[in-house]
Amino acid sequence: MHTLSTEELESMLHRAAARGAKEALVAVGLHDENAANDIRQIRSLLDAWKDTRKSIWSTFVKLSTVALLTFIAGAVWMSINKG
């Protein structure tokens, strides 16, 4: 039976983690020298998507508010013209 020292075990775990990280990067295509640029582009796209989502939501709320106020104004105008 062979026992490992703490240092040997930590060294094995470190090598296994490094190998796993490298394999994970290869699996998602981020293993080459362009990986940092790819990550920056992905972050930029995510930021643009977040801004677009916020803008769409804001536009929807504004349009809904204008539609509601137009409906109310029309209803008031119709009730005034009836009377």
PDB file of N, CA and C in Angstrom:
ATOM      1  N   MET A   1       0.847  -1.176   0.000  1.00  0.00           N
ATOM      2  CA  MET A   1       0.000   0.000   0.000  1.00  0.00           C
ATOM      3  C   MET A   1       0.888   1.234   0.000  1.00  0.00           C
ATOM      4  N   HIS A   2       0.512   2.182  -0.832  1.00  0.00           N
ATOM      5  CA  HIS A   2       1.293   3.410  -0.969  1.00  0.00           C
ATOM      6  C   HIS A   2       0.461   4.577  -0.462  1.00  0.00           C
ATOM      7  N   THR A   3       1.046   5.389   0.360  1.00  0.00           N
ATOM      8  CA  THR A   3       0.347   6.577   0.845  1.00  0.00           C
ATOM      9  C   THR A   3       0.974   7.807   0.213  1.00  0.00           C
ATOM     10  N   LEU A   4       0.133   8.789   0.006  1.00  0.00           N
ATOM     11  CA  LEU A   4       0.602  10.036  -0.584  1.00  0.00           C
ATOM     12  C   LEU A   4       0.766  11.090   0.500  1.00  0.00           C
ATOM     13  N   SER A   5       1.800  11.876   0.328  1.00  0.00           N
ATOM     14  CA  SER A   5       1.952  12.999   1.244  1.00  0.00           C
ATOM     15  C   SER A   5       0.980  14.091   0.819  1.00  0.00           C
ATOM     16  N   THR A   6       0.766  15.042   1.674  1.00  0.00           N
ATOM     17  CA  THR A   6      -0.129  16.155   1.367  1.00  0.00           C
ATOM     18  C   THR A   6       0.358  16.906   0.139  1.00  0.00           C
ATOM     19  N   GLU A   7       1.653  17.111   0.043  1.00  0.00           N
ATOM     20  CA  GLU A   7       2.217  17.821  -1.101  1.00  0.00           C
ATOM     21  C   GLU A   7       1.996  17.055  -2.401  1.00  0.00           C
ATOM     22  N   GLU A   8       2.200  15.722  -2.362  1.00  0.00           N
ATOM     23  CA  GLU A   8       1.985  14.908  -3.556  1.00  0.00           C
ATOM     24  C   GLU A   8       0.520  14.942  -3.988  1.00  0.00           C
ATOM     25  N   LEU A   9      -0.377  14.844  -3.021  1.00  0.00           N
ATOM     26  CA  LEU A   9      -1.806  14.877  -3.324  1.00  0.00           C
ATOM     27  C   LEU A   9      -2.202  16.229  -3.909  1.00  0.00           C
ATOM     28  N   GLU A  10      -1.719  17.303  -3.298  1.00  0.00           N
ATOM     29  CA  GLU A  10      -2.023  18.634  -3.820  1.00  0.00           C
ATOM     30  C   GLU A  10      -1.452  18.815  -5.223  1.00  0.00           C
ATOM     31  N   SER A  11      -0.274  18.307  -5.476  1.00  0.00           N
ATOM     32  CA  SER A  11       0.337  18.396  -6.800  1.00  0.00           C
ATOM     33  C   SER A  11      -0.503  17.631  -7.829  1.00  0.00           C
ATOM     34  N   MET A  12      -0.948  16.438  -7.479  1.00  0.00           N
ATOM     35  CA  MET A  12      -1.792  15.651  -8.385  1.00  0.00           C
ATOM     36  C   MET A  12      -3.105  16.365  -8.663  1.00  0.00           C
ATOM     37  N   LEU A  13      -3.707  16.915  -7.617  1.00  0.00           N
ATOM     38  CA  LEU A  13      -4.972  17.629  -7.793  1.00  0.00           C
ATOM     39  C   LEU A  13      -4.792  18.863  -8.664  1.00  0.00           C
ATOM     40  N   HIS A  14      -3.694  19.574  -8.468  1.00  0.00           N
ATOM     41  CA  HIS A  14      -3.410  20.762  -9.271  1.00  0.00           C
ATOM     42  C   HIS A  14      -3.243  20.386 -10.747  1.00  0.00           C
ATOM     43  N   ARG A  15      -2.481  19.332 -11.021  1.00  0.00           N
ATOM     44  CA  ARG A  15      -2.288  18.894 -12.412  1.00  0.00           C
ATOM     45  C   ARG A  15      -3.606  18.448 -13.030  1.00  0.00           C
ATOM     46  N   ALA A  16      -4.415  17.741 -12.261  1.00  0.00           N
ATOM     47  CA  ALA A  16      -5.705  17.275 -12.782  1.00  0.00           C
ATOM     48  C   ALA A  16      -6.636  18.453 -13.057  1.00  0.00           C
ATOM     49  N   ALA A  17      -6.633  19.432 -12.177  1.00  0.00           N
ATOM     50  CA  ALA A  17      -7.477  20.615 -12.384  1.00  0.00           C
ATOM     51  C   ALA A  17      -7.011  21.396 -13.605  1.00  0.00           C
ATOM     52  N   ALA A  18      -5.704  21.554 -13.761  1.00  0.00           N
ATOM     53  CA  ALA A  18      -5.161  22.284 -14.918  1.00  0.00           C
ATOM     54  C   ALA A  18      -5.501  21.542 -16.206  1.00  0.00           C
ATOM     55  N   ARG A  19      -5.381  20.229 -16.201  1.00  0.00           N
ATOM     56  CA  ARG A  19      -5.715  19.444 -17.388  1.00  0.00           C
ATOM     57  C   ARG A  19      -7.204  19.555 -17.698  1.00  0.00           C
ATOM     58  N   GLY A  20      -8.030  19.486 -16.680  1.00  0.00           N
ATOM     59  CA  GLY A  20      -9.475  19.619 -16.889  1.00  0.00           C
ATOM     60  C   GLY A  20      -9.852  20.988 -17.424  1.00  0.00           C
ATOM     61  N   ALA A  21      -9.204  22.032 -16.907  1.00  0.00           N
ATOM     62  CA  ALA A  21      -9.476  23.391 -17.385  1.00  0.00           C
ATOM     63  C   ALA A  21      -9.077  23.533 -18.845  1.00  0.00           C
ATOM     64  N   LYS A  22      -7.914  22.990 -19.217  1.00  0.00           N
ATOM     65  CA  LYS A  22      -7.473  23.052 -20.609  1.00  0.00           C
ATOM     66  C   LYS A  22      -8.444  22.315 -21.522  1.00  0.00           C
ATOM     67  N   GLU A  23      -8.897  21.142 -21.105  1.00  0.00           N
ATOM     68  CA  GLU A  23      -9.843  20.373 -21.915  1.00  0.00           C
ATOM     69  C   GLU A  23     -11.176  21.109 -22.048  1.00  0.00           C
ATOM     70  N   ALA A  24     -11.596  21.776 -20.987  1.00  0.00           N
ATOM     71  CA  ALA A  24     -12.844  22.540 -21.048  1.00  0.00           C
ATOM     72  C   ALA A  24     -12.709  23.706 -22.022  1.00  0.00           C
ATOM     73  N   LEU A  25     -11.568  24.383 -22.005  1.00  0.00           N
ATOM     74  CA  LEU A  25     -11.341  25.490 -22.940  1.00  0.00           C
ATOM     75  C   LEU A  25     -11.308  24.997 -24.383  1.00  0.00           C
ATOM     76  N   VAL A  26     -10.693  23.855 -24.605  1.00  0.00           N
ATOM     77  CA  VAL A  26     -10.669  23.275 -25.948  1.00  0.00           C
ATOM     78  C   VAL A  26     -12.091  22.932 -26.383  1.00  0.00           C
ATOM     79  N   ALA A  27     -12.882  22.382 -25.475  1.00  0.00           N
ATOM     80  CA  ALA A  27     -14.243  21.964 -25.800  1.00  0.00           C
ATOM     81  C   ALA A  27     -15.121  23.139 -26.230  1.00  0.00           C
ATOM     82  N   VAL A  28     -14.886  24.328 -25.679  1.00  0.00           N
ATOM     83  CA  VAL A  28     -15.699  25.500 -26.046  1.00  0.00           C
ATOM     84  C   VAL A  28     -14.980  26.388 -27.059  1.00  0.00           C
ATOM     85  N   GLY A  29     -13.822  25.968 -27.527  1.00  0.00           N
ATOM     86  CA  GLY A  29     -13.115  26.699 -28.564  1.00  0.00           C
ATOM     87  C   GLY A  29     -12.338  27.910 -28.091  1.00  0.00           C
ATOM     88  N   LEU A  30     -11.951  27.933 -26.833  1.00  0.00           N
ATOM     89  CA  LEU A  30     -11.208  29.065 -26.284  1.00  0.00           C
ATOM     90  C   LEU A  30      -9.796  28.656 -25.864  1.00  0.00           C
ATOM     91  N   HIS A  31      -9.132  27.890 -26.718  1.00  0.00           N
ATOM     92  CA  HIS A  31      -7.822  27.362 -26.365  1.00  0.00           C
ATOM     93  C   HIS A  31      -6.668  28.028 -27.106  1.00  0.00           C
ATOM     94  N   ASP A  32      -6.979  28.922 -28.039  1.00  0.00           N
ATOM     95  CA  ASP A  32      -5.900  29.515 -28.825  1.00  0.00           C
ATOM     96  C   ASP A  32      -5.576  30.934 -28.362  1.00  0.00           C
ATOM     97  N   GLU A  33      -4.661  31.596 -29.095  1.00  0.00           N
ATOM     98  CA  GLU A  33      -4.228  32.936 -28.701  1.00  0.00           C
ATOM     99  C   GLU A  33      -5.307  33.987 -28.907  1.00  0.00           C
ATOM    100  N   ASN A  34      -6.365  33.668 -29.641  1.00  0.00           N
ATOM    101  CA  ASN A  34      -7.464  34.606 -29.856  1.00  0.00           C
ATOM    102  C   ASN A  34      -8.543  34.516 -28.772  1.00  0.00           C
ATOM    103  N   ALA A  35      -8.347  33.674 -27.799  1.00  0.00           N
ATOM    104  CA  ALA A  35      -9.367  33.435 -26.787  1.00  0.00           C
ATOM    105  C   ALA A  35      -9.717  34.706 -26.009  1.00  0.00           C
ATOM    106  N   ALA A  36      -8.723  35.489 -25.638  1.00  0.00           N
ATOM    107  CA  ALA A  36      -8.992  36.713 -24.873  1.00  0.00           C
ATOM    108  C   ALA A  36      -9.838  37.676 -25.696  1.00  0.00           C
ATOM    109  N   ASN A  37      -9.528  37.809 -26.979  1.00  0.00           N
ATOM    110  CA  ASN A  37     -10.310  38.670 -27.865  1.00  0.00           C
ATOM    111  C   ASN A  37     -11.733  38.125 -28.016  1.00  0.00           C
ATOM    112  N   ASP A  38     -11.862  36.801 -28.122  1.00  0.00           N
ATOM    113  CA  ASP A  38     -13.188  36.187 -28.234  1.00  0.00           C
ATOM    114  C   ASP A  38     -14.033  36.487 -26.997  1.00  0.00           C
ATOM    115  N   ILE A  39     -13.423  36.397 -25.827  1.00  0.00           N
ATOM    116  CA  ILE A  39     -14.143  36.677 -24.576  1.00  0.00           C
ATOM    117  C   ILE A  39     -14.577  38.140 -24.539  1.00  0.00           C
ATOM    118  N   ARG A  40     -13.710  39.047 -24.951  1.00  0.00           N
ATOM    119  CA  ARG A  40     -14.081  40.469 -24.990  1.00  0.00           C
ATOM    120  C   ARG A  40     -15.259  40.698 -25.937  1.00  0.00           C
ATOM    121  N   GLN A  41     -15.239  40.036 -27.087  1.00  0.00           N
ATOM    122  CA  GLN A  41     -16.339  40.174 -28.033  1.00  0.00           C
ATOM    123  C   GLN A  41     -17.643  39.612 -27.467  1.00  0.00           C
ATOM    124  N   ILE A  42     -17.549  38.488 -26.792  1.00  0.00           N
ATOM    125  CA  ILE A  42     -18.741  37.896 -26.178  1.00  0.00           C
ATOM    126  C   ILE A  42     -19.305  38.827 -25.119  1.00  0.00           C
ATOM    127  N   ARG A  43     -18.437  39.398 -24.293  1.00  0.00           N
ATOM    128  CA  ARG A  43     -18.896  40.348 -23.273  1.00  0.00           C
ATOM    129  C   ARG A  43     -19.537  41.573 -23.916  1.00  0.00           C
ATOM    130  N   SER A  44     -18.946  42.039 -25.010  1.00  0.00           N
ATOM    131  CA  SER A  44     -19.499  43.188 -25.725  1.00  0.00           C
ATOM    132  C   SER A  44     -20.883  42.861 -26.275  1.00  0.00           C
ATOM    133  N   LEU A  45     -21.024  41.668 -26.836  1.00  0.00           N
ATOM    134  CA  LEU A  45     -22.337  41.249 -27.342  1.00  0.00           C
ATOM    135  C   LEU A  45     -23.364  41.144 -26.219  1.00  0.00           C
ATOM    136  N   LEU A  46     -22.951  40.611 -25.089  1.00  0.00           N
ATOM    137  CA  LEU A  46     -23.869  40.503 -23.950  1.00  0.00           C
ATOM    138  C   LEU A  46     -24.284  41.877 -23.445  1.00  0.00           C
ATOM    139  N   ASP A  47     -23.334  42.804 -23.381  1.00  0.00           N
ATOM    140  CA  ASP A  47     -23.664  44.168 -22.965  1.00  0.00           C
ATOM    141  C   ASP A  47     -24.640  44.806 -23.944  1.00  0.00           C
ATOM    142  N   ALA A  48     -24.404  44.609 -25.236  1.00  0.00           N
ATOM    143  CA  ALA A  48     -25.310  45.160 -26.252  1.00  0.00           C
ATOM    144  C   ALA A  48     -26.692  44.539 -26.125  1.00  0.00           C
ATOM    145  N   TRP A  49     -26.749  43.234 -25.866  1.00  0.00           N
ATOM    146  CA  TRP A  49     -28.042  42.557 -25.701  1.00  0.00           C
ATOM    147  C   TRP A  49     -28.781  43.111 -24.482  1.00  0.00           C
ATOM    148  N   LYS A  50     -28.066  43.316 -23.384  1.00  0.00           N
ATOM    149  CA  LYS A  50     -28.697  43.867 -22.176  1.00  0.00           C
ATOM    150  C   LYS A  50     -29.241  45.263 -22.447  1.00  0.00           C
ATOM    151  N   ASP A  51     -28.459  46.097 -23.147  1.00  0.00           N
ATOM    152  CA  ASP A  51     -28.922  47.446 -23.483  1.00  0.00           C
ATOM    153  C   ASP A  51     -30.146  47.388 -24.392  1.00  0.00           C
ATOM    154  N   THR A  52     -30.131  46.485 -25.358  1.00  0.00           N
ATOM    155  CA  THR A  52     -31.260  46.345 -26.276  1.00  0.00           C
ATOM    156  C   THR A  52     -32.506  45.895 -25.537  1.00  0.00           C
ATOM    157  N   ARG A  53     -32.360  44.918 -24.649  1.00  0.00           N
ATOM    158  CA  ARG A  53     -33.502  44.446 -23.858  1.00  0.00           C
ATOM    159  C   ARG A  53     -34.095  45.567 -23.023  1.00  0.00           C
ATOM    160  N   LYS A  54     -33.218  46.350 -22.390  1.00  0.00           N
ATOM    161  CA  LYS A  54     -33.681  47.466 -21.572  1.00  0.00           C
ATOM    162  C   LYS A  54     -34.410  48.485 -22.439  1.00  0.00           C
ATOM    163  N   SER A  55     -33.874  48.766 -23.614  1.00  0.00           N
ATOM    164  CA  SER A  55     -34.485  49.728 -24.528  1.00  0.00           C
ATOM    165  C   SER A  55     -35.841  49.233 -25.022  1.00  0.00           C
ATOM    166  N   ILE A  56     -35.923  47.962 -25.359  1.00  0.00           N
ATOM    167  CA  ILE A  56     -37.197  47.390 -25.818  1.00  0.00           C
ATOM    168  C   ILE A  56     -38.237  47.476 -24.714  1.00  0.00           C
ATOM    169  N   TRP A  57     -37.864  47.119 -23.503  1.00  0.00           N
ATOM    170  CA  TRP A  57     -38.798  47.172 -22.381  1.00  0.00           C
ATOM    171  C   TRP A  57     -39.261  48.610 -22.141  1.00  0.00           C
ATOM    172  N   SER A  58     -38.343  49.556 -22.172  1.00  0.00           N
ATOM    173  CA  SER A  58     -38.673  50.951 -21.959  1.00  0.00           C
ATOM    174  C   SER A  58     -39.632  51.448 -23.052  1.00  0.00           C
ATOM    175  N   THR A  59     -39.361  51.080 -24.292  1.00  0.00           N
ATOM    176  CA  THR A  59     -40.230  51.473 -25.403  1.00  0.00           C
ATOM    177  C   THR A  59     -41.614  50.863 -25.241  1.00  0.00           C
ATOM    178  N   PHE A  60     -41.694  49.619 -24.836  1.00  0.00           N
ATOM    179  CA  PHE A  60     -42.981  48.953 -24.625  1.00  0.00           C
ATOM    180  C   PHE A  60     -43.790  49.668 -23.546  1.00  0.00           C
ATOM    181  N   VAL A  61     -43.149  50.020 -22.455  1.00  0.00           N
ATOM    182  CA  VAL A  61     -43.846  50.717 -21.365  1.00  0.00           C
ATOM    183  C   VAL A  61     -44.330  52.087 -21.848  1.00  0.00           C
ATOM    184  N   LYS A  62     -43.492  52.804 -22.583  1.00  0.00           N
ATOM    185  CA  LYS A  62     -43.892  54.122 -23.092  1.00  0.00           C
ATOM    186  C   LYS A  62     -45.076  54.004 -24.051  1.00  0.00           C
ATOM    187  N   LEU A  63     -45.004  53.055 -24.985  1.00  0.00           N
ATOM    188  CA  LEU A  63     -46.097  52.874 -25.932  1.00  0.00           C
ATOM    189  C   LEU A  63     -47.383  52.462 -25.227  1.00  0.00           C
ATOM    190  N   SER A  64     -47.287  51.596 -24.239  1.00  0.00           N
ATOM    191  CA  SER A  64     -48.466  51.174 -23.487  1.00  0.00           C
ATOM    192  C   SER A  64     -49.081  52.362 -22.750  1.00  0.00           C
ATOM    193  N   THR A  65     -48.242  53.194 -22.162  1.00  0.00           N
ATOM    194  CA  THR A  65     -48.727  54.372 -21.442  1.00  0.00           C
ATOM    195  C   THR A  65     -49.413  55.340 -22.398  1.00  0.00           C
ATOM    196  N   VAL A  66     -48.804  55.594 -23.550  1.00  0.00           N
ATOM    197  CA  VAL A  66     -49.409  56.496 -24.528  1.00  0.00           C
ATOM    198  C   VAL A  66     -50.729  55.919 -25.026  1.00  0.00           C
ATOM    199  N   ALA A  67     -50.781  54.611 -25.282  1.00  0.00           N
ATOM    200  CA  ALA A  67     -52.021  53.982 -25.744  1.00  0.00           C
ATOM    201  C   ALA A  67     -53.119  54.111 -24.690  1.00  0.00           C
ATOM    202  N   LEU A  68     -52.785  53.884 -23.445  1.00  0.00           N
ATOM    203  CA  LEU A  68     -53.773  54.001 -22.372  1.00  0.00           C
ATOM    204  C   LEU A  68     -54.267  55.435 -22.239  1.00  0.00           C
ATOM    205  N   LEU A  69     -53.349  56.396 -22.256  1.00  0.00           N
ATOM    206  CA  LEU A  69     -53.756  57.798 -22.149  1.00  0.00           C
ATOM    207  C   LEU A  69     -54.587  58.228 -23.359  1.00  0.00           C
ATOM    208  N   THR A  70     -54.255  57.730 -24.546  1.00  0.00           N
ATOM    209  CA  THR A  70     -55.047  58.033 -25.737  1.00  0.00           C
ATOM    210  C   THR A  70     -56.450  57.456 -25.607  1.00  0.00           C
ATOM    211  N   PHE A  71     -56.549  56.237 -25.104  1.00  0.00           N
ATOM    212  CA  PHE A  71     -57.858  55.617 -24.890  1.00  0.00           C
ATOM    213  C   PHE A  71     -58.678  56.427 -23.889  1.00  0.00           C
ATOM    214  N   ILE A  72     -58.060  56.829 -22.794  1.00  0.00           N
ATOM    215  CA  ILE A  72     -58.771  57.624 -21.776  1.00  0.00           C
ATOM    216  C   ILE A  72     -59.201  58.960 -22.366  1.00  0.00           C
ATOM    217  N   ALA A  73     -58.310  59.627 -23.097  1.00  0.00           N
ATOM    218  CA  ALA A  73     -58.654  60.915 -23.704  1.00  0.00           C
ATOM    219  C   ALA A  73     -59.793  60.743 -24.704  1.00  0.00           C
ATOM    220  N   GLY A  74     -59.772  59.687 -25.482  1.00  0.00           N
ATOM    221  CA  GLY A  74     -60.849  59.422 -26.428  1.00  0.00           C
ATOM    222  C   GLY A  74     -62.165  59.163 -25.732  1.00  0.00           C
ATOM    223  N   ALA A  75     -62.126  58.410 -24.642  1.00  0.00           N
ATOM    224  CA  ALA A  75     -63.348  58.117 -23.895  1.00  0.00           C
ATOM    225  C   ALA A  75     -63.921  59.393 -23.278  1.00  0.00           C
ATOM    226  N   VAL A  76     -63.045  60.236 -22.743  1.00  0.00           N
ATOM    227  CA  VAL A  76     -63.508  61.500 -22.166  1.00  0.00           C
ATOM    228  C   VAL A  76     -64.081  62.389 -23.249  1.00  0.00           C
ATOM    229  N   TRP A  77     -63.413  62.476 -24.400  1.00  0.00           N
ATOM    230  CA  TRP A  77     -63.886  63.310 -25.505  1.00  0.00           C
ATOM    231  C   TRP A  77     -65.250  62.824 -26.007  1.00  0.00           C
ATOM    232  N   MET A  78     -65.415  61.507 -26.104  1.00  0.00           N
ATOM    233  CA  MET A  78     -66.686  60.966 -26.570  1.00  0.00           C
ATOM    234  C   MET A  78     -67.806  61.235 -25.570  1.00  0.00           C
ATOM    235  N   SER A  79     -67.492  61.126 -24.277  1.00  0.00           N
ATOM    236  CA  SER A  79     -68.534  61.374 -23.272  1.00  0.00           C
ATOM    237  C   SER A  79     -68.896  62.854 -23.225  1.00  0.00           C
ATOM    238  N   ILE A  80     -67.937  63.754 -23.477  1.00  0.00           N
ATOM    239  CA  ILE A  80     -68.233  65.185 -23.499  1.00  0.00           C
ATOM    240  C   ILE A  80     -69.090  65.529 -24.708  1.00  0.00           C
ATOM    241  N   ASN A  81     -68.782  64.924 -25.867  1.00  0.00           N
ATOM    242  CA  ASN A  81     -69.529  65.223 -27.087  1.00  0.00           C
ATOM    243  C   ASN A  81     -70.932  64.621 -27.059  1.00  0.00           C
ATOM    244  N   LYS A  82     -71.186  63.582 -26.299  1.00  0.00           N
ATOM    245  CA  LYS A  82     -72.503  62.995 -26.166  1.00  0.00           C
ATOM    246  C   LYS A  82     -73.425  63.900 -25.353  1.00  0.00           C
ATOM    247  N   GLY A  83     -72.855  64.536 -24.342  1.00  0.00           N
ATOM    248  CA  GLY A  83     -73.631  65.281 -23.382  1.00  0.00           C
ATOM    249  C   GLY A  83     -74.016  66.603 -23.861  1.00  0.00           C
TER     250      GLY A  83
END
